């Protein structure tokens, strides 16, 4: 019985990274600059950023896209990549918080799923 439970657990743990790899395929086929530009375009429109804010947000998006790049390209298991990327994106949010107004940051936080969809569509060409 214990062997069956271990087999089932192993099956599910191996299938989860495959699903995440499919989700990340469009990211692997893009450059950090493409990802940063796409995110900035979305944020400029969604958050009604000033030109000064756009420049700062572009710089932040570029910096963190470059930090994510080695994690994306690594041979780590999918859920480990996701954990590492999540940590980097939390740092990015902290940095964005210092540039955006509280209202803009709230809109940004609430629109993260929309941002992911826009990024996916933009990068899949």
Protein backbone atom coordinates (compact mmCIF):
# COMPACT_ATOMS: atom_id res chain seq x y z
CA UNK A 1 0.00 0.00 0.00
CA UNK A 2 2.83 2.38 0.85
CA UNK A 3 4.47 1.67 -2.51
CA UNK A 4 1.26 2.58 -4.31
CA UNK A 5 1.04 5.89 -2.45
CA UNK A 6 4.66 6.69 -3.28
CA UNK A 7 4.09 5.81 -6.93
CA UNK A 8 1.05 8.07 -7.12
CA UNK A 9 2.90 10.91 -5.39
CA UNK A 10 5.85 10.52 -7.75
CA UNK A 11 3.57 10.53 -10.80
CA UNK A 12 1.90 13.77 -9.76
CA UNK A 13 5.16 15.45 -8.80
CA UNK A 14 6.62 14.61 -12.22
CA UNK A 15 3.56 15.76 -14.16
CA UNK A 16 3.35 19.18 -12.52
CA UNK A 17 6.64 20.52 -13.95
CA UNK A 18 5.54 19.49 -17.44
CA UNK A 19 2.44 21.66 -17.16
CA UNK A 20 4.52 24.61 -15.97
CA UNK A 21 7.02 24.08 -18.78
CA UNK A 22 4.21 24.39 -21.31
CA UNK A 23 3.02 27.55 -19.59
CA UNK A 24 6.52 29.02 -19.79
CA UNK A 25 7.30 28.08 -23.40
CA UNK A 26 6.44 31.55 -24.71
CA UNK A 27 8.82 33.04 -22.12
CA UNK A 28 11.66 30.77 -23.20
CA UNK A 29 11.25 31.90 -26.80
CA UNK A 30 11.60 35.59 -25.90
CA UNK A 31 14.40 37.86 -24.74
CA UNK A 32 14.44 39.82 -21.50
CA UNK A 33 14.17 43.02 -23.56
CA UNK A 34 11.04 41.76 -25.35
CA UNK A 35 9.43 40.76 -22.06
CA UNK A 36 10.29 44.07 -20.40
CA UNK A 37 8.98 46.09 -23.34
CA UNK A 38 5.71 44.15 -23.40
CA UNK A 39 5.20 44.59 -19.66
CA UNK A 40 5.97 48.30 -19.89
CA UNK A 41 3.50 48.84 -22.75
CA UNK A 42 0.77 47.14 -20.74
CA UNK A 43 1.59 49.06 -17.55
CA UNK A 44 1.81 52.40 -19.38
CA UNK A 45 -1.73 51.99 -20.63
CA UNK A 46 -3.27 50.25 -17.63
CA UNK A 47 -1.72 52.52 -15.00
CA UNK A 48 -1.80 55.75 -17.01
CA UNK A 49 1.90 56.32 -16.39
CA UNK A 50 3.64 59.64 -16.99
CA UNK A 51 6.69 59.68 -19.27
CA UNK A 52 8.95 59.83 -16.20
CA UNK A 53 7.17 56.84 -14.66
CA UNK A 54 7.37 54.93 -17.96
CA UNK A 55 11.15 55.37 -18.02
CA UNK A 56 11.50 54.15 -14.43
CA UNK A 57 9.11 51.22 -14.94
CA UNK A 58 10.93 50.22 -18.16
CA UNK A 59 14.22 50.19 -16.28
CA UNK A 60 12.75 48.06 -13.48
CA UNK A 61 11.07 45.66 -15.92
CA UNK A 62 14.34 45.26 -17.82
CA UNK A 63 16.37 44.68 -14.64
CA UNK A 64 14.05 41.98 -13.35
CA UNK A 65 13.54 40.35 -16.76
CA UNK A 66 17.32 39.92 -16.85
CA UNK A 67 17.29 38.45 -13.32
CA UNK A 68 14.60 35.95 -14.36
CA UNK A 69 16.44 34.91 -17.54
CA UNK A 70 18.97 32.51 -15.98
CA UNK A 71 16.20 30.88 -13.94
CA UNK A 72 14.08 30.37 -17.06
CA UNK A 73 17.01 28.86 -18.95
CA UNK A 74 18.16 26.67 -16.06
CA UNK A 75 17.65 22.94 -15.97
CA UNK A 76 15.84 23.11 -12.61
CA UNK A 77 12.60 21.24 -12.13
CA UNK A 78 9.52 23.31 -13.04
CA UNK A 79 8.23 23.95 -9.54
CA UNK A 80 11.70 25.02 -8.40
CA UNK A 81 11.86 27.49 -11.27
CA UNK A 82 8.44 28.81 -10.33
CA UNK A 83 9.54 29.25 -6.71
CA UNK A 84 12.68 31.14 -7.75
CA UNK A 85 10.80 33.31 -10.22
CA UNK A 86 8.17 34.10 -7.61
CA UNK A 87 10.92 35.37 -5.27
CA UNK A 88 12.37 37.59 -7.99
CA UNK A 89 8.93 38.97 -8.85
CA UNK A 90 8.27 39.77 -5.19
CA UNK A 91 11.48 41.83 -5.19
CA UNK A 92 10.30 43.52 -8.37
CA UNK A 93 7.00 44.42 -6.70
CA UNK A 94 8.89 45.99 -3.80
CA UNK A 95 10.89 48.08 -6.26
CA UNK A 96 7.78 49.08 -8.24
CA UNK A 97 6.06 50.12 -5.02
CA UNK A 98 8.65 52.90 -4.66
CA UNK A 99 7.91 54.25 -8.16
CA UNK A 100 4.15 53.87 -8.45
CA UNK A 101 1.51 55.71 -6.46
CA UNK A 102 -0.46 53.55 -4.02
CA UNK A 103 -3.42 53.68 -6.41
CA UNK A 104 -1.30 52.63 -9.40
CA UNK A 105 0.28 49.82 -7.40
CA UNK A 106 -3.15 48.54 -6.39
CA UNK A 107 -4.32 48.54 -10.03
CA UNK A 108 -1.07 46.79 -11.02
CA UNK A 109 -1.52 44.16 -8.30
CA UNK A 110 -5.13 43.53 -9.32
CA UNK A 111 -4.22 43.33 -13.01
CA UNK A 112 -1.40 40.76 -12.77
CA UNK A 113 -3.45 38.02 -14.42
CA UNK A 114 -4.39 40.43 -17.19
CA UNK A 115 -0.70 41.36 -17.54
CA UNK A 116 0.26 37.69 -17.89
CA UNK A 117 -2.37 37.22 -20.62
CA UNK A 118 -1.21 40.34 -22.46
CA UNK A 119 2.41 39.24 -22.20
CA UNK A 120 1.53 35.75 -23.47
CA UNK A 121 -0.36 37.18 -26.47
CA UNK A 122 2.30 39.75 -27.21
CA UNK A 123 5.18 37.27 -27.12
CA UNK A 124 3.52 34.45 -29.04
CA UNK A 125 3.30 36.66 -32.13
